PDB file of N, CA and C in Angstrom:
ATOM      1  N   UNK A   1       7.333 -10.963 -21.740  1.00  0.00           N
ATOM      2  CA  UNK A   1       7.086 -11.215 -20.105  1.00  0.00           C
ATOM      3  C   UNK A   1       5.322 -11.543 -20.071  1.00  0.00           C
ATOM      4  N   UNK A   2       5.242 -11.987 -19.129  1.00  0.00           N
ATOM      5  CA  UNK A   2       3.782 -12.379 -19.117  1.00  0.00           C
ATOM      6  C   UNK A   2       3.112 -11.709 -17.869  1.00  0.00           C
ATOM      7  N   UNK A   3       1.977 -11.995 -17.510  1.00  0.00           N
ATOM      8  CA  UNK A   3       1.204 -11.238 -16.785  1.00  0.00           C
ATOM      9  C   UNK A   3       1.671 -11.601 -15.047  1.00  0.00           C
ATOM     10  N   UNK A   4       1.838 -10.780 -14.324  1.00  0.00           N
ATOM     11  CA  UNK A   4       2.243 -11.372 -12.735  1.00  0.00           C
ATOM     12  C   UNK A   4       1.018 -10.801 -11.976  1.00  0.00           C
ATOM     13  N   UNK A   5       0.359 -11.669 -11.304  1.00  0.00           N
ATOM     14  CA  UNK A   5      -0.637 -11.689 -10.345  1.00  0.00           C
ATOM     15  C   UNK A   5       0.089 -10.199  -9.084  1.00  0.00           C
ATOM     16  N   UNK A   6       0.863 -10.640  -9.001  1.00  0.00           N
ATOM     17  CA  UNK A   6       1.388  -9.627  -7.968  1.00  0.00           C
ATOM     18  C   UNK A   6       1.456  -8.042  -8.092  1.00  0.00           C
ATOM     19  N   UNK A   7       1.730  -8.183  -9.347  1.00  0.00           N
ATOM     20  CA  UNK A   7       2.405  -6.747  -9.846  1.00  0.00           C
ATOM     21  C   UNK A   7       0.625  -5.939  -9.546  1.00  0.00           C
ATOM     22  N   UNK A   8      -0.202  -6.846 -10.462  1.00  0.00           N
ATOM     23  CA  UNK A   8      -1.455  -6.345 -11.027  1.00  0.00           C
ATOM     24  C   UNK A   8      -2.070  -6.080  -9.533  1.00  0.00           C
ATOM     25  N   UNK A   9      -1.675  -6.714  -8.444  1.00  0.00           N
ATOM     26  CA  UNK A   9      -2.536  -6.371  -6.890  1.00  0.00           C
ATOM     27  C   UNK A   9      -1.854  -5.292  -6.513  1.00  0.00           C
ATOM     28  N   UNK A  10      -0.451  -4.929  -6.956  1.00  0.00           N
ATOM     29  CA  UNK A  10       0.374  -3.726  -6.144  1.00  0.00           C
ATOM     30  C   UNK A  10      -0.670  -2.594  -6.621  1.00  0.00           C
ATOM     31  N   UNK A  11      -0.308  -2.617  -8.212  1.00  0.00           N
ATOM     32  CA  UNK A  11      -1.260  -1.303  -8.973  1.00  0.00           C
ATOM     33  C   UNK A  11      -2.521  -1.409  -8.703  1.00  0.00           C
ATOM     34  N   UNK A  12      -3.646  -2.186  -8.294  1.00  0.00           N
ATOM     35  CA  UNK A  12      -4.631  -2.190  -8.155  1.00  0.00           C
ATOM     36  C   UNK A  12      -4.611  -1.788  -6.562  1.00  0.00           C
ATOM     37  N   UNK A  13      -3.868  -1.822  -5.372  1.00  0.00           N
ATOM     38  CA  UNK A  13      -3.533  -1.295  -3.986  1.00  0.00           C
ATOM     39  C   UNK A  13      -3.417   0.381  -4.114  1.00  0.00           C
ATOM     40  N   UNK A  14      -2.284   0.309  -5.170  1.00  0.00           N
ATOM     41  CA  UNK A  14      -2.053   1.919  -5.390  1.00  0.00           C
ATOM     42  C   UNK A  14      -3.578   3.049  -5.848  1.00  0.00           C
ATOM     43  N   UNK A  15      -3.861   2.129  -6.967  1.00  0.00           N
ATOM     44  CA  UNK A  15      -5.325   3.121  -7.210  1.00  0.00           C
ATOM     45  C   UNK A  15      -6.130   3.246  -6.307  1.00  0.00           C
ATOM     46  N   UNK A  16      -6.572   2.019  -5.281  1.00  0.00           N
ATOM     47  CA  UNK A  16      -7.127   2.223  -4.491  1.00  0.00           C
ATOM     48  C   UNK A  16      -7.158   3.383  -3.373  1.00  0.00           C
ATOM     49  N   UNK A  17      -5.914   3.079  -2.945  1.00  0.00           N
ATOM     50  CA  UNK A  17      -5.303   4.460  -2.039  1.00  0.00           C
ATOM     51  C   UNK A  17      -5.683   5.668  -2.745  1.00  0.00           C
ATOM     52  N   UNK A  18      -5.448   5.852  -3.784  1.00  0.00           N
ATOM     53  CA  UNK A  18      -5.841   7.060  -4.456  1.00  0.00           C
ATOM     54  C   UNK A  18      -6.777   7.477  -4.301  1.00  0.00           C
ATOM     55  N   UNK A  19      -7.891   6.857  -4.885  1.00  0.00           N
ATOM     56  CA  UNK A  19      -9.271   6.944  -4.914  1.00  0.00           C
ATOM     57  C   UNK A  19      -9.764   7.445  -3.487  1.00  0.00           C
ATOM     58  N   UNK A  20      -9.102   6.630  -2.420  1.00  0.00           N
ATOM     59  CA  UNK A  20      -9.776   6.678  -1.095  1.00  0.00           C
ATOM     60  C   UNK A  20      -9.058   8.407  -0.453  1.00  0.00           C
ATOM     61  N   UNK A  21      -7.854   8.284  -0.712  1.00  0.00           N
ATOM     62  CA  UNK A  21      -7.211   9.537  -0.153  1.00  0.00           C
ATOM     63  C   UNK A  21      -7.122  10.955  -1.103  1.00  0.00           C
ATOM     64  N   UNK A  22      -7.067  10.626  -2.380  1.00  0.00           N
ATOM     65  CA  UNK A  22      -6.874  12.100  -3.756  1.00  0.00           C
ATOM     66  C   UNK A  22      -5.875  12.329  -4.057  1.00  0.00           C
ATOM     67  N   UNK A  23      -4.279  11.473  -3.193  1.00  0.00           N
ATOM     68  CA  UNK A  23      -3.293  11.869  -3.202  1.00  0.00           C
ATOM     69  C   UNK A  23      -2.556  10.421  -3.413  1.00  0.00           C
ATOM     70  N   UNK A  24      -1.699   9.976  -4.346  1.00  0.00           N
ATOM     71  CA  UNK A  24      -1.187   8.651  -4.937  1.00  0.00           C
ATOM     72  C   UNK A  24      -0.165   8.313  -3.957  1.00  0.00           C
ATOM     73  N   UNK A  25      -0.076   7.077  -3.444  1.00  0.00           N
ATOM     74  CA  UNK A  25       1.011   6.845  -2.025  1.00  0.00           C
ATOM     75  C   UNK A  25       2.066   6.434  -2.162  1.00  0.00           C
ATOM     76  N   UNK A  26       2.754   6.640  -1.003  1.00  0.00           N
ATOM     77  CA  UNK A  26       4.294   6.466  -1.606  1.00  0.00           C
ATOM     78  C   UNK A  26       4.752   4.961  -1.499  1.00  0.00           C
ATOM     79  N   UNK A  27       5.696   4.500  -2.598  1.00  0.00           N
ATOM     80  CA  UNK A  27       5.921   3.201  -2.861  1.00  0.00           C
ATOM     81  C   UNK A  27       7.328   3.169  -2.500  1.00  0.00           C
ATOM     82  N   UNK A  28       7.436   2.286  -1.539  1.00  0.00           N
ATOM     83  CA  UNK A  28       9.305   2.112  -1.432  1.00  0.00           C
ATOM     84  C   UNK A  28       9.625   0.995  -1.839  1.00  0.00           C
ATOM     85  N   UNK A  29      11.098   0.337  -2.974  1.00  0.00           N
ATOM     86  CA  UNK A  29      10.998  -0.792  -2.915  1.00  0.00           C
ATOM     87  C   UNK A  29      12.116  -0.973  -1.847  1.00  0.00           C
ATOM     88  N   UNK A  30      12.061  -2.060  -0.644  1.00  0.00           N
ATOM     89  CA  UNK A  30      12.677  -2.408   0.133  1.00  0.00           C
ATOM     90  C   UNK A  30      13.494  -3.504  -0.450  1.00  0.00           C
ATOM     91  N   UNK A  31      14.629  -3.519   0.201  1.00  0.00           N
ATOM     92  CA  UNK A  31      16.035  -5.124   0.399  1.00  0.00           C
ATOM     93  C   UNK A  31      15.280  -6.481   0.279  1.00  0.00           C
ATOM     94  N   UNK A  32      15.616  -6.913  -0.333  1.00  0.00           N
ATOM     95  CA  UNK A  32      15.438  -8.639  -0.882  1.00  0.00           C
ATOM     96  C   UNK A  32      13.945  -8.882  -1.497  1.00  0.00           C
ATOM     97  N   UNK A  33      13.253  -7.255  -2.292  1.00  0.00           N
ATOM     98  CA  UNK A  33      12.645  -7.431  -2.907  1.00  0.00           C
ATOM     99  C   UNK A  33      11.303  -7.612  -2.683  1.00  0.00           C
ATOM    100  N   UNK A  34      11.053  -6.975  -1.647  1.00  0.00           N
ATOM    101  CA  UNK A  34      10.022  -6.339  -1.060  1.00  0.00           C
ATOM    102  C   UNK A  34       9.578  -4.951  -1.775  1.00  0.00           C
ATOM    103  N   UNK A  35       8.047  -4.722  -1.542  1.00  0.00           N
ATOM    104  CA  UNK A  35       7.842  -2.918  -2.086  1.00  0.00           C
ATOM    105  C   UNK A  35       6.553  -2.758  -0.744  1.00  0.00           C
ATOM    106  N   UNK A  36       6.814  -1.333  -0.529  1.00  0.00           N
ATOM    107  CA  UNK A  36       5.791  -1.135   0.622  1.00  0.00           C
ATOM    108  C   UNK A  36       4.989   0.108   0.254  1.00  0.00           C
ATOM    109  N   UNK A  37       4.240  -0.218   0.315  1.00  0.00           N
ATOM    110  CA  UNK A  37       3.314   1.154  -0.046  1.00  0.00           C
ATOM    111  C   UNK A  37       2.019   1.791   1.350  1.00  0.00           C
ATOM    112  N   UNK A  38       2.476   3.246   0.978  1.00  0.00           N
ATOM    113  CA  UNK A  38       2.146   3.762   2.474  1.00  0.00           C
ATOM    114  C   UNK A  38       1.495   5.480   2.011  1.00  0.00           C
ATOM    115  N   UNK A  39       0.533   5.574   3.117  1.00  0.00           N
ATOM    116  CA  UNK A  39      -0.340   6.871   3.008  1.00  0.00           C
ATOM    117  C   UNK A  39      -0.686   7.287   4.208  1.00  0.00           C
ATOM    118  N   UNK A  40      -0.897   8.635   4.349  1.00  0.00           N
ATOM    119  CA  UNK A  40      -0.996   9.185   5.721  1.00  0.00           C
ATOM    120  C   UNK A  40      -2.563   8.954   6.340  1.00  0.00           C
ATOM    121  N   UNK A  41      -2.638   8.514   7.332  1.00  0.00           N
ATOM    122  CA  UNK A  41      -4.053   8.645   7.977  1.00  0.00           C
ATOM    123  C   UNK A  41      -4.670   9.961   8.181  1.00  0.00           C
ATOM    124  N   UNK A  42      -5.816   9.911   7.639  1.00  0.00           N
ATOM    125  CA  UNK A  42      -6.270  11.432   7.738  1.00  0.00           C
ATOM    126  C   UNK A  42      -7.624  11.101   8.522  1.00  0.00           C
ATOM    127  N   UNK A  43      -8.169  12.510   9.248  1.00  0.00           N
ATOM    128  CA  UNK A  43      -9.685  11.958   9.523  1.00  0.00           C
ATOM    129  C   UNK A  43     -10.632  11.678   8.654  1.00  0.00           C
ATOM    130  N   UNK A  44     -10.619  12.069   7.078  1.00  0.00           N
ATOM    131  CA  UNK A  44     -11.472  11.581   5.865  1.00  0.00           C
ATOM    132  C   UNK A  44     -11.421  10.243   5.745  1.00  0.00           C
ATOM    133  N   UNK A  45      -9.915   9.759   6.328  1.00  0.00           N
ATOM    134  CA  UNK A  45      -9.273   8.405   5.915  1.00  0.00           C
ATOM    135  C   UNK A  45     -10.084   7.567   6.793  1.00  0.00           C
ATOM    136  N   UNK A  46     -10.164   8.092   7.672  1.00  0.00           N
ATOM    137  CA  UNK A  46     -10.114   7.044   9.381  1.00  0.00           C
ATOM    138  C   UNK A  46     -11.871   6.870   8.936  1.00  0.00           C
ATOM    139  N   UNK A  47     -12.439   7.908   8.255  1.00  0.00           N
ATOM    140  CA  UNK A  47     -14.000   7.821   8.036  1.00  0.00           C
ATOM    141  C   UNK A  47     -14.611   6.779   7.151  1.00  0.00           C
ATOM    142  N   UNK A  48     -13.216   6.080   6.110  1.00  0.00           N
ATOM    143  CA  UNK A  48     -13.493   5.187   5.300  1.00  0.00           C
ATOM    144  C   UNK A  48     -12.793   3.724   5.587  1.00  0.00           C
ATOM    145  N   UNK A  49     -12.860   3.679   6.569  1.00  0.00           N
ATOM    146  CA  UNK A  49     -12.300   2.824   7.979  1.00  0.00           C
ATOM    147  C   UNK A  49     -12.179   1.309   7.306  1.00  0.00           C
ATOM    148  N   UNK A  50     -13.347   0.648   7.011  1.00  0.00           N
ATOM    149  CA  UNK A  50     -13.355  -0.697   6.062  1.00  0.00           C
ATOM    150  C   UNK A  50     -12.946  -0.911   4.934  1.00  0.00           C
ATOM    151  N   UNK A  51     -13.174   0.924   4.107  1.00  0.00           N
ATOM    152  CA  UNK A  51     -12.347   0.092   2.620  1.00  0.00           C
ATOM    153  C   UNK A  51     -10.894   0.446   2.834  1.00  0.00           C
ATOM    154  N   UNK A  52     -10.479   0.858   3.602  1.00  0.00           N
ATOM    155  CA  UNK A  52      -9.251   1.286   4.011  1.00  0.00           C
ATOM    156  C   UNK A  52      -8.457   0.252   4.421  1.00  0.00           C
ATOM    157  N   UNK A  53      -9.102  -0.842   4.986  1.00  0.00           N
ATOM    158  CA  UNK A  53      -8.444  -2.121   5.461  1.00  0.00           C
ATOM    159  C   UNK A  53      -9.043  -3.264   4.473  1.00  0.00           C
ATOM    160  N   UNK A  54      -9.599  -3.033   3.885  1.00  0.00           N
ATOM    161  CA  UNK A  54      -9.898  -4.029   2.430  1.00  0.00           C
ATOM    162  C   UNK A  54      -8.524  -3.714   2.164  1.00  0.00           C
ATOM    163  N   UNK A  55      -8.024  -2.794   1.430  1.00  0.00           N
ATOM    164  CA  UNK A  55      -7.198  -2.567   0.710  1.00  0.00           C
ATOM    165  C   UNK A  55      -5.852  -2.783   1.281  1.00  0.00           C
ATOM    166  N   UNK A  56      -5.800  -2.186   2.423  1.00  0.00           N
ATOM    167  CA  UNK A  56      -4.361  -3.152   3.488  1.00  0.00           C
ATOM    168  C   UNK A  56      -4.115  -4.661   3.560  1.00  0.00           C
ATOM    169  N   UNK A  57      -5.492  -5.233   3.401  1.00  0.00           N
ATOM    170  CA  UNK A  57      -5.699  -6.687   3.572  1.00  0.00           C
ATOM    171  C   UNK A  57      -4.971  -7.195   2.039  1.00  0.00           C
ATOM    172  N   UNK A  58      -4.722  -6.437   1.188  1.00  0.00           N
ATOM    173  CA  UNK A  58      -4.284  -6.636  -0.063  1.00  0.00           C
ATOM    174  C   UNK A  58      -2.725  -7.360   0.157  1.00  0.00           C
ATOM    175  N   UNK A  59      -2.214  -6.775   1.310  1.00  0.00           N
ATOM    176  CA  UNK A  59      -0.621  -6.938   1.110  1.00  0.00           C
ATOM    177  C   UNK A  59      -0.545  -8.348   1.849  1.00  0.00           C
ATOM    178  N   UNK A  60       0.799  -8.705   1.739  1.00  0.00           N
ATOM    179  CA  UNK A  60       1.592  -9.781   2.530  1.00  0.00           C
ATOM    180  C   UNK A  60       1.086  -9.633   4.190  1.00  0.00           C
ATOM    181  N   UNK A  61       1.352  -8.581   4.524  1.00  0.00           N
ATOM    182  CA  UNK A  61       1.745  -7.587   6.054  1.00  0.00           C
ATOM    183  C   UNK A  61       1.045  -6.441   5.702  1.00  0.00           C
ATOM    184  N   UNK A  62       0.616  -5.781   6.837  1.00  0.00           N
ATOM    185  CA  UNK A  62       0.184  -4.309   6.991  1.00  0.00           C
ATOM    186  C   UNK A  62      -0.054  -3.913   8.355  1.00  0.00           C
ATOM    187  N   UNK A  63      -0.192  -2.819   8.440  1.00  0.00           N
ATOM    188  CA  UNK A  63      -0.406  -1.795   9.666  1.00  0.00           C
ATOM    189  C   UNK A  63      -0.409  -0.522   9.677  1.00  0.00           C
ATOM    190  N   UNK A  64      -0.309   0.342  11.118  1.00  0.00           N
ATOM    191  CA  UNK A  64       0.005   1.270  11.243  1.00  0.00           C
ATOM    192  C   UNK A  64       1.149   1.778  11.831  1.00  0.00           C
ATOM    193  N   UNK A  65       1.675   2.876  11.667  1.00  0.00           N
ATOM    194  CA  UNK A  65       2.951   3.598  12.185  1.00  0.00           C
ATOM    195  C   UNK A  65       2.907   4.965  12.479  1.00  0.00           C
ATOM    196  N   UNK A  66       3.120   5.108  13.829  1.00  0.00           N
ATOM    197  CA  UNK A  66       3.184   6.477  14.495  1.00  0.00           C
ATOM    198  C   UNK A  66       4.426   7.092  14.126  1.00  0.00           C
ATOM    199  N   UNK A  67       3.926   8.522  13.421  1.00  0.00           N
ATOM    200  CA  UNK A  67       5.271   9.733  13.529  1.00  0.00           C
ATOM    201  C   UNK A  67       4.917  10.778  14.134  1.00  0.00           C
ATOM    202  N   UNK A  68       5.964  11.428  14.164  1.00  0.00           N
ATOM    203  CA  UNK A  68       5.743  12.969  14.791  1.00  0.00           C
ATOM    204  C   UNK A  68       4.543  13.332  13.861  1.00  0.00           C
ATOM    205  N   UNK A  69       4.259  13.194  12.613  1.00  0.00           N
ATOM    206  CA  UNK A  69       3.006  14.204  12.253  1.00  0.00           C
ATOM    207  C   UNK A  69       2.148  13.571  11.983  1.00  0.00           C
ATOM    208  N   UNK A  70       2.077  12.027  12.590  1.00  0.00           N
ATOM    209  CA  UNK A  70       0.456  11.865  12.663  1.00  0.00           C
ATOM    210  C   UNK A  70       0.738  10.065  12.069  1.00  0.00           C
ATOM    211  N   UNK A  71       0.020   9.091  11.700  1.00  0.00           N
ATOM    212  CA  UNK A  71      -0.218   8.247  11.339  1.00  0.00           C
ATOM    213  C   UNK A  71      -0.017   7.692   9.880  1.00  0.00           C
ATOM    214  N   UNK A  72       0.842   6.301   9.708  1.00  0.00           N
ATOM    215  CA  UNK A  72       0.829   6.317   8.472  1.00  0.00           C
ATOM    216  C   UNK A  72       0.422   4.591   8.429  1.00  0.00           C
ATOM    217  N   UNK A  73      -0.472   4.348   7.548  1.00  0.00           N
ATOM    218  CA  UNK A  73      -1.346   3.518   6.909  1.00  0.00           C
ATOM    219  C   UNK A  73      -0.145   2.502   6.055  1.00  0.00           C
ATOM    220  N   UNK A  74       0.348   1.204   5.771  1.00  0.00           N
ATOM    221  CA  UNK A  74       1.479   0.569   5.061  1.00  0.00           C
ATOM    222  C   UNK A  74       0.748  -0.825   4.625  1.00  0.00           C
ATOM    223  N   UNK A  75       1.106  -1.021   3.696  1.00  0.00           N
ATOM    224  CA  UNK A  75       0.882  -2.577   3.426  1.00  0.00           C
ATOM    225  C   UNK A  75       2.388  -3.019   2.508  1.00  0.00           C
ATOM    226  N   UNK A  76       2.605  -4.112   2.615  1.00  0.00           N
ATOM    227  CA  UNK A  76       4.090  -4.535   2.310  1.00  0.00           C
ATOM    228  C   UNK A  76       3.489  -6.080   1.093  1.00  0.00           C
ATOM    229  N   UNK A  77       4.394  -6.057   0.118  1.00  0.00           N
ATOM    230  CA  UNK A  77       4.290  -7.209  -1.004  1.00  0.00           C
ATOM    231  C   UNK A  77       5.640  -7.744  -0.850  1.00  0.00           C
ATOM    232  N   UNK A  78       5.660  -9.361  -0.924  1.00  0.00           N
ATOM    233  CA  UNK A  78       7.145  -9.557  -1.371  1.00  0.00           C
ATOM    234  C   UNK A  78       7.197 -10.301  -2.708  1.00  0.00           C
ATOM    235  N   UNK A  79       8.120  -9.666  -3.145  1.00  0.00           N
ATOM    236  CA  UNK A  79       7.838  -9.640  -4.646  1.00  0.00           C
ATOM    237  C   UNK A  79       9.755 -10.976  -5.199  1.00  0.00           C
ATOM    238  N   UNK A  80      10.415 -11.084  -4.004  1.00  0.00           N
ATOM    239  CA  UNK A  80      11.709 -11.281  -4.553  1.00  0.00           C
ATOM    240  C   UNK A  80      12.751 -10.937  -5.356  1.00  0.00           C
ATOM    241  N   UNK A  81      13.088 -12.062  -6.246  1.00  0.00           N
ATOM    242  CA  UNK A  81      13.577 -11.518  -7.399  1.00  0.00           C
ATOM    243  C   UNK A  81      12.922 -11.166  -8.655  1.00  0.00           C
ATOM    244  N   UNK A  82      11.168 -11.311  -8.216  1.00  0.00           N
ATOM    245  CA  UNK A  82      10.778 -10.977  -9.734  1.00  0.00           C
ATOM    246  C   UNK A  82      10.556  -9.723 -10.065  1.00  0.00           C
ATOM    247  N   UNK A  83       9.681  -9.365 -10.967  1.00  0.00           N
ATOM    248  CA  UNK A  83       9.581  -7.971 -11.929  1.00  0.00           C
ATOM    249  C   UNK A  83       8.886  -7.019 -10.767  1.00  0.00           C
ATOM    250  N   UNK A  84       9.385  -5.491 -11.192  1.00  0.00           N
ATOM    251  CA  UNK A  84       8.771  -4.637 -10.461  1.00  0.00           C
ATOM    252  C   UNK A  84       7.870  -4.208 -10.997  1.00  0.00           C
ATOM    253  N   UNK A  85       6.643  -3.383 -10.148  1.00  0.00           N
ATOM    254  CA  UNK A  85       5.711  -2.716 -10.756  1.00  0.00           C
ATOM    255  C   UNK A  85       6.051  -1.398 -10.831  1.00  0.00           C
TER     256      UNK A  85
END
């Protein structure tokens, strides 16, 4: 199996979010070949907003979701039928 740039970017985003938050983000495999990575938004993370936004921008799409317990920042990668990270 050869090098897959998409998987490398997913690993990079995961590592950067872990460094920013101190906790590994959640990774969810989505139907149709997508991967979503999400992390809880804390006050400390808001203080690093430019760095967080740079990581989120690595995804095909990204956003914030309100939940009963706070906000979640997420980014999504489209992998199609390709290899999984």
